[in-house]
Amino acid sequence: MDRVDVTIVGGGPVGLFGAFYAGMRGMTARIIDSLPELGGQLVALYPEKYVYDMPGFPKVLAKDLARGLAEQALQFHAEVVLGETADRLTKDDEGWTVHGSSGRAFPTRSVIVSAGAGAFEPAKLGVEQEDEFVGKGITYGVQNLVSLAGKDVIVVGGGDSAFDWALAIEPIAKSTKLLHRRDVFRAHEETVRAVHSSNVEICLWEQVKELHGSPRLESVVVHNSQHKDTKSYACDALVVNVGYKSSLGPLEGWGMQIEKRQIKVDRMYRTSLPGVFAVGDVCEFEGKIKLIATGVGEVTTAVCEIKQMLDPSAKLFPGHSSDMKIFS
């Protein structure tokens, strides 16, 4: 592989904006991501949910935001490597080499780690036949909202995702139930009030214990911990939102300073390794706020710092894009 100026580990929204900014500053860039498509959690976890806190968008579907960020990033022809985990990092005379899970080596002059929450997988219910019904009635989040139209849908969870999906599903589903094992919710108060005001049936103190159907899910048996009884619900679609397990995975062996599964950085987002930066949810510093809006500012600073590191004659300040001839 050719050596690029910056290799970005993570193709989520922050990484994509980093690739765009690297191109805008005249640098070659490469994006490496273990997922099969660009967009990170926007497309992997909640493509059909609206994002409300992106500048310039009163609201935008997560999948549409990811699509726009990818289009913006790739206008400077960044190299994209998907389905590849960045396993190891080794130092060489010209910078670094990222070693992928396939055995390929990716030489680079600098690295930006923008891996979000790291490697993540949904937490499961832990009941028999759960894996057998994945894709046949069980989903972890919602990839296609329209596919739930006219169905008996049960959403499991007590956080923002569960309540958001319940609200989105209720207008199109035949019936919508929200199951939670307690009577205390982690969701935003306004969302909880909205669900209570809707036609969503909230089932408290209930947990799924059995799954039934062939070959697709048809019903679930739940146990009520307060009344100590069980009941059966018709269920065409079971949307599980009980959290995600995340890990830095191979990144923990790269030699960067890590505390509580977060990469420590300084005010310029430099890690403890020279020429290696970390931005977005994967990094930690005093006053850290984990939002896409703040992450794009972090990666912009990191890219400008790398530009000056690779070319000491370059200015840290990039100038205003509205004045740049490359956009004419």
Protein backbone atom coordinates (compact mmCIF):
# COMPACT_ATOMS: atom_id res chain seq x y z
CA MET A 1 0.00 0.00 0.00
CA ASP A 2 1.16 3.56 -0.66
CA ARG A 3 2.07 5.63 2.37
CA VAL A 4 -0.52 8.31 3.07
CA ASP A 5 -0.26 11.46 5.17
CA VAL A 6 -2.91 10.38 7.66
CA THR A 7 -4.69 7.12 8.36
CA ILE A 8 -8.02 7.48 10.15
CA VAL A 9 -9.10 4.46 12.18
CA GLY A 10 -12.88 4.60 12.24
CA GLY A 11 -15.31 5.56 9.49
CA GLY A 12 -18.00 7.15 11.64
CA PRO A 13 -19.11 10.79 11.36
CA VAL A 14 -16.03 12.23 13.09
CA GLY A 15 -13.62 10.10 11.06
CA LEU A 16 -15.39 11.02 7.82
CA PHE A 17 -15.13 14.72 8.57
CA GLY A 18 -11.46 14.21 9.38
CA ALA A 19 -10.89 12.67 5.93
CA PHE A 20 -12.63 15.65 4.34
CA TYR A 21 -10.55 18.13 6.28
CA ALA A 22 -7.32 16.31 5.49
CA GLY A 23 -8.18 16.55 1.80
CA MET A 24 -9.07 20.21 2.14
CA ARG A 25 -5.63 20.81 3.61
CA GLY A 26 -3.97 19.01 0.71
CA MET A 27 -3.14 15.77 2.52
CA THR A 28 -3.70 12.20 1.41
CA ALA A 29 -5.93 10.17 3.70
CA ARG A 30 -7.02 6.62 4.33
CA ILE A 31 -10.02 5.40 6.34
CA ILE A 32 -9.95 1.95 7.94
CA ASP A 33 -13.12 0.53 9.48
CA SER A 34 -14.16 -2.94 10.63
CA LEU A 35 -17.76 -2.38 9.50
CA PRO A 36 -18.89 -3.17 5.94
CA GLU A 37 -19.97 0.41 5.20
CA LEU A 38 -19.07 3.95 6.19
CA GLY A 39 -21.07 5.82 8.82
CA GLY A 40 -20.25 4.05 12.08
CA GLN A 41 -23.03 3.90 14.64
CA LEU A 42 -25.21 6.18 12.49
CA VAL A 43 -25.83 3.30 10.08
CA ALA A 44 -25.01 0.30 12.28
CA LEU A 45 -27.25 1.13 15.25
CA TYR A 46 -29.88 3.75 14.41
CA PRO A 47 -30.11 4.56 10.67
CA GLU A 48 -33.83 5.37 10.89
CA LYS A 49 -33.57 7.72 13.89
CA TYR A 50 -33.50 11.48 13.53
CA VAL A 51 -30.51 13.53 14.69
CA TYR A 52 -31.50 17.00 15.89
CA ASP A 53 -28.24 18.58 17.04
CA MET A 54 -26.23 18.92 13.82
CA PRO A 55 -25.62 22.51 12.66
CA GLY A 56 -27.71 23.41 9.65
CA PHE A 57 -30.18 20.54 10.06
CA PRO A 58 -33.36 21.06 12.11
CA LYS A 59 -33.52 17.28 11.88
CA VAL A 60 -31.84 14.68 9.69
CA LEU A 61 -32.10 10.90 9.51
CA ALA A 62 -28.94 9.25 10.79
CA LYS A 63 -28.47 7.31 7.55
CA ASP A 64 -28.84 10.51 5.50
CA LEU A 65 -26.35 12.33 7.70
CA ALA A 66 -23.90 9.45 7.21
CA ARG A 67 -24.45 9.53 3.45
CA GLY A 68 -23.77 13.27 3.31
CA LEU A 69 -20.65 13.00 5.45
CA ALA A 70 -19.31 10.19 3.25
CA GLU A 71 -19.95 12.20 0.08
CA GLN A 72 -18.20 15.19 1.61
CA ALA A 73 -15.24 13.09 2.76
CA LEU A 74 -14.66 11.26 -0.51
CA GLN A 75 -14.60 14.29 -2.79
CA PHE A 76 -10.82 14.38 -2.15
CA HIS A 77 -10.47 10.67 -3.03
CA ALA A 78 -9.58 9.33 0.40
CA GLU A 79 -8.72 5.63 0.29
CA VAL A 80 -11.38 3.51 2.00
CA VAL A 81 -10.69 0.11 3.57
CA LEU A 82 -13.81 -1.58 4.97
CA GLY A 83 -14.24 -4.85 6.83
CA GLU A 84 -10.72 -4.50 8.21
CA THR A 85 -9.83 -4.24 11.90
CA ALA A 86 -6.77 -2.19 12.76
CA ASP A 87 -4.97 -4.83 14.82
CA ARG A 88 -1.45 -3.52 15.42
CA LEU A 89 0.59 -0.34 15.10
CA THR A 90 4.35 -0.36 14.53
CA LYS A 91 6.83 2.51 14.21
CA ASP A 92 9.00 2.88 11.13
CA ASP A 93 11.42 5.44 9.70
CA GLU A 94 8.71 7.45 7.91
CA GLY A 95 6.00 7.31 10.53
CA TRP A 96 3.82 4.32 11.33
CA THR A 97 2.37 1.17 9.84
CA VAL A 98 -1.13 0.02 10.73
CA HIS A 99 -1.45 -3.76 10.44
CA GLY A 100 -4.93 -5.02 9.54
CA SER A 101 -6.73 -8.17 10.58
CA SER A 102 -6.37 -9.53 7.04
CA GLY A 103 -2.59 -9.33 7.26
CA ARG A 104 -2.33 -6.23 5.08
CA ALA A 105 -0.03 -3.40 6.11
CA PHE A 106 -1.01 0.25 5.75
CA PRO A 107 1.97 2.66 5.92
CA THR A 108 1.18 6.18 7.05
CA ARG A 109 2.88 9.35 8.26
CA SER A 110 0.35 9.92 11.06
CA VAL A 111 -2.70 8.29 12.62
CA ILE A 112 -6.01 9.60 13.92
CA VAL A 113 -7.97 7.14 16.05
CA SER A 114 -11.65 7.95 15.65
CA ALA A 115 -13.12 4.64 16.72
CA GLY A 116 -16.18 5.95 18.56
CA ALA A 117 -17.06 3.61 21.39
CA GLY A 118 -14.65 1.06 19.96
CA ALA A 119 -15.74 -2.40 18.93
CA PHE A 120 -19.35 -2.79 19.98
CA GLU A 121 -22.00 -5.46 20.00
CA PRO A 122 -25.55 -5.38 21.31
CA ALA A 123 -26.34 -6.78 24.73
CA LYS A 124 -28.67 -9.76 24.38
CA LEU A 125 -31.64 -11.02 26.36
CA GLY A 126 -29.93 -14.29 27.17
CA VAL A 127 -32.90 -16.57 26.43
CA GLU A 128 -32.99 -19.84 24.52
CA GLN A 129 -33.28 -19.66 20.72
CA GLU A 130 -32.40 -15.95 20.72
CA ASP A 131 -29.70 -16.35 18.08
CA GLU A 132 -32.00 -18.50 15.95
CA PHE A 133 -34.58 -15.71 15.69
CA VAL A 134 -32.12 -12.90 14.88
CA GLY A 135 -33.23 -11.59 11.50
CA LYS A 136 -36.41 -13.65 11.82
CA GLY A 137 -38.22 -11.37 14.21
CA ILE A 138 -35.50 -10.24 16.60
CA THR A 139 -33.51 -7.08 15.89
CA TYR A 140 -31.21 -4.96 18.03
CA GLY A 141 -32.37 -1.50 17.07
CA VAL A 142 -34.23 -0.84 13.82
CA GLN A 143 -32.61 -0.92 10.40
CA ASN A 144 -35.83 -0.54 8.39
CA LEU A 145 -38.80 1.14 10.06
CA VAL A 146 -41.21 0.40 7.20
CA SER A 147 -40.67 -3.34 7.67
CA LEU A 148 -42.56 -3.11 10.99
CA ALA A 149 -45.76 -1.73 9.46
CA GLY A 150 -48.86 -3.71 10.42
CA LYS A 151 -47.02 -5.98 12.86
CA ASP A 152 -47.32 -6.78 16.55
CA VAL A 153 -44.12 -5.18 17.85
CA ILE A 154 -42.54 -5.44 21.29
CA VAL A 155 -39.71 -3.09 22.25
CA VAL A 156 -37.53 -4.13 25.19
CA GLY A 157 -35.63 -1.53 27.21
CA GLY A 158 -35.92 1.55 29.39
CA GLY A 159 -33.48 3.97 27.79
CA ASP A 160 -33.70 6.65 25.12
CA SER A 161 -33.36 4.22 22.22
CA ALA A 162 -36.20 2.00 23.42
CA PHE A 163 -38.55 4.94 23.99
CA ASP A 164 -37.60 6.65 20.72
CA TRP A 165 -38.26 3.46 18.76
CA ALA A 166 -41.55 2.86 20.52
CA LEU A 167 -42.73 6.33 19.50
CA ALA A 168 -41.56 5.85 15.92
CA ILE A 169 -43.10 2.38 15.57
CA GLU A 170 -46.49 3.00 17.20
CA PRO A 171 -48.11 4.97 14.31
CA ILE A 172 -47.41 2.22 11.74
CA ALA A 173 -47.58 -1.01 13.78
CA LYS A 174 -50.65 -3.12 14.47
CA SER A 175 -49.74 -2.97 18.18
CA THR A 176 -46.74 -1.67 20.12
CA LYS A 177 -45.67 -2.76 23.59
CA LEU A 178 -42.73 -1.45 25.61
CA LEU A 179 -41.34 -3.97 28.10
CA HIS A 180 -39.10 -2.91 30.96
CA ARG A 181 -37.87 -4.92 33.92
CA ARG A 182 -38.31 -2.00 36.35
CA ASP A 183 -40.50 1.08 36.80
CA VAL A 184 -37.59 3.54 36.51
CA PHE A 185 -36.48 4.71 33.07
CA ARG A 186 -33.19 6.08 31.75
CA ALA A 187 -34.89 7.87 28.86
CA HIS A 188 -35.34 11.63 28.68
CA GLU A 189 -38.34 12.85 30.69
CA GLU A 190 -40.05 14.44 27.66
CA THR A 191 -39.76 11.20 25.69
CA VAL A 192 -41.19 9.21 28.58
CA ARG A 193 -44.14 11.61 28.77
CA ALA A 194 -44.68 11.32 25.01
CA VAL A 195 -44.80 7.52 25.20
CA HIS A 196 -47.26 7.65 28.11
CA SER A 197 -49.47 9.93 25.99
CA SER A 198 -49.33 7.61 22.99
CA ASN A 199 -51.00 4.27 22.25
CA VAL A 200 -47.87 2.36 23.27
CA GLU A 201 -48.70 -0.19 25.97
CA ILE A 202 -46.06 0.05 28.72
CA CYS A 203 -45.47 -3.27 30.49
CA LEU A 204 -43.49 -2.81 33.70
CA TRP A 205 -41.57 -5.39 35.73
CA GLU A 206 -41.65 -7.78 32.77
CA GLN A 207 -38.82 -9.75 31.16
CA VAL A 208 -38.82 -12.02 28.13
CA LYS A 209 -38.27 -15.63 29.16
CA GLU A 210 -39.28 -17.69 26.12
CA LEU A 211 -39.46 -17.24 22.35
CA HIS A 212 -41.88 -19.19 20.15
CA GLY A 213 -42.45 -19.55 16.42
CA SER A 214 -41.30 -21.43 13.33
CA PRO A 215 -39.44 -20.40 11.30
CA ARG A 216 -40.11 -16.79 12.35
CA LEU A 217 -40.93 -15.37 15.76
CA GLU A 218 -44.65 -15.50 16.55
CA SER A 219 -44.95 -14.94 20.31
CA VAL A 220 -43.00 -14.37 23.51
CA VAL A 221 -43.55 -15.48 27.09
CA VAL A 222 -42.77 -12.88 29.75
CA HIS A 223 -42.40 -13.08 33.52
CA ASN A 224 -43.64 -10.34 35.83
CA SER A 225 -41.33 -10.01 38.83
CA GLN A 226 -43.97 -8.13 40.88
CA HIS A 227 -46.93 -10.43 40.39
CA LYS A 228 -44.80 -13.57 40.00
CA ASP A 229 -46.79 -14.71 36.98
CA THR A 230 -46.19 -15.33 33.28
CA LYS A 231 -48.13 -14.40 30.18
CA SER A 232 -47.82 -14.75 26.42
CA TYR A 233 -47.86 -11.91 23.89
CA ALA A 234 -48.30 -12.18 20.13
CA CYS A 235 -45.08 -10.81 18.62
CA ASP A 236 -43.99 -10.52 14.99
CA ALA A 237 -41.04 -8.28 15.80
CA LEU A 238 -39.00 -8.02 19.01
CA VAL A 239 -36.81 -4.90 19.10
CA VAL A 240 -34.16 -5.33 21.79
CA ASN A 241 -32.61 -2.13 23.20
CA VAL A 242 -30.91 -3.16 26.43
CA GLY A 243 -27.53 -1.59 25.76
CA TYR A 244 -24.28 -2.34 23.99
CA LYS A 245 -21.00 -3.84 25.06
CA SER A 246 -18.03 -1.85 23.83
CA SER A 247 -14.31 -2.45 23.92
CA LEU A 248 -11.19 -0.77 22.58
CA GLY A 249 -10.16 -4.20 21.34
CA PRO A 250 -6.72 -4.28 19.68
CA LEU A 251 -6.26 -0.53 20.31
CA GLU A 252 -5.42 -1.34 23.93
CA GLY A 253 -2.21 -2.99 22.75
CA TRP A 254 -0.95 -0.03 20.71
CA GLY A 255 0.94 1.52 23.62
CA MET A 256 -1.19 4.64 24.09
CA GLN A 257 -2.03 5.87 27.57
CA ILE A 258 -5.50 4.53 28.39
CA GLU A 259 -7.68 5.13 31.42
CA LYS A 260 -11.09 3.55 31.91
CA ARG A 261 -11.28 2.39 28.28
CA GLN A 262 -10.57 5.93 27.03
CA ILE A 263 -7.46 7.17 25.22
CA LYS A 264 -5.86 10.08 27.05
CA VAL A 265 -5.04 13.10 24.86
CA ASP A 266 -3.71 16.62 25.33
CA ARG A 267 -5.36 19.86 24.19
CA MET A 268 -4.29 19.19 20.57
CA TYR A 269 -5.67 15.62 20.75
CA ARG A 270 -2.20 14.07 20.73
CA THR A 271 -1.88 10.67 22.40
CA SER A 272 1.21 9.50 24.25
CA LEU A 273 2.57 8.22 20.90
CA PRO A 274 4.18 10.86 18.62
CA GLY A 275 2.16 11.43 15.47
CA VAL A 276 -0.83 9.47 16.78
CA PHE A 277 -3.99 11.41 17.67
CA ALA A 278 -7.38 10.40 19.10
CA VAL A 279 -10.69 12.22 18.69
CA GLY A 280 -14.39 11.69 19.30
CA ASP A 281 -15.91 9.31 21.82
CA VAL A 282 -12.76 7.18 22.05
CA CYS A 283 -10.66 9.93 23.69
CA GLU A 284 -10.74 11.55 27.10
CA PHE A 285 -9.64 14.92 28.46
CA GLU A 286 -10.88 17.36 31.07
CA GLY A 287 -14.20 18.86 29.99
CA LYS A 288 -14.87 16.19 27.34
CA ILE A 289 -18.38 16.26 25.83
CA LYS A 290 -19.30 13.25 23.68
CA LEU A 291 -21.26 14.61 20.73
CA ILE A 292 -20.82 14.50 16.96
CA ALA A 293 -20.84 18.31 16.98
CA THR A 294 -17.85 18.49 19.33
CA GLY A 295 -16.09 15.55 17.68
CA VAL A 296 -15.88 17.26 14.30
CA GLY A 297 -14.19 20.22 16.00
CA GLU A 298 -11.69 17.88 17.65
CA VAL A 299 -10.76 16.15 14.40
CA THR A 300 -10.42 19.50 12.62
CA THR A 301 -7.85 20.58 15.20
CA ALA A 302 -6.03 17.24 14.97
CA VAL A 303 -5.83 17.45 11.16
CA CYS A 304 -4.45 20.99 11.29
CA GLU A 305 -1.88 19.94 13.87
CA ILE A 306 -0.80 17.05 11.63
CA LYS A 307 -0.56 19.39 8.63
CA GLN A 308 1.89 21.59 10.50
CA MET A 309 3.74 18.56 11.88
CA LEU A 310 4.31 17.19 8.37
CA ASP A 311 4.96 20.62 6.83
CA PRO A 312 6.41 23.08 9.37
CA SER A 313 5.99 25.92 6.85
CA ALA A 314 2.22 25.43 6.84
CA LYS A 315 -0.03 27.53 9.05
CA LEU A 316 -2.06 25.91 11.77
CA PHE A 317 -5.08 28.00 10.78
CA PRO A 318 -6.57 26.50 7.61
CA GLY A 319 -8.25 29.64 6.31
CA HIS A 320 -11.92 29.92 5.39
CA SER A 321 -13.33 27.34 2.98
CA SER A 322 -15.47 30.01 1.32
CA ASP A 323 -12.25 31.63 0.05
CA MET A 324 -10.55 28.45 -1.21
CA LYS A 325 -10.13 27.95 -4.96
CA ILE A 326 -10.48 24.17 -4.63
CA PHE A 327 -14.22 24.68 -4.08
CA SER A 328 -14.66 27.09 -6.99
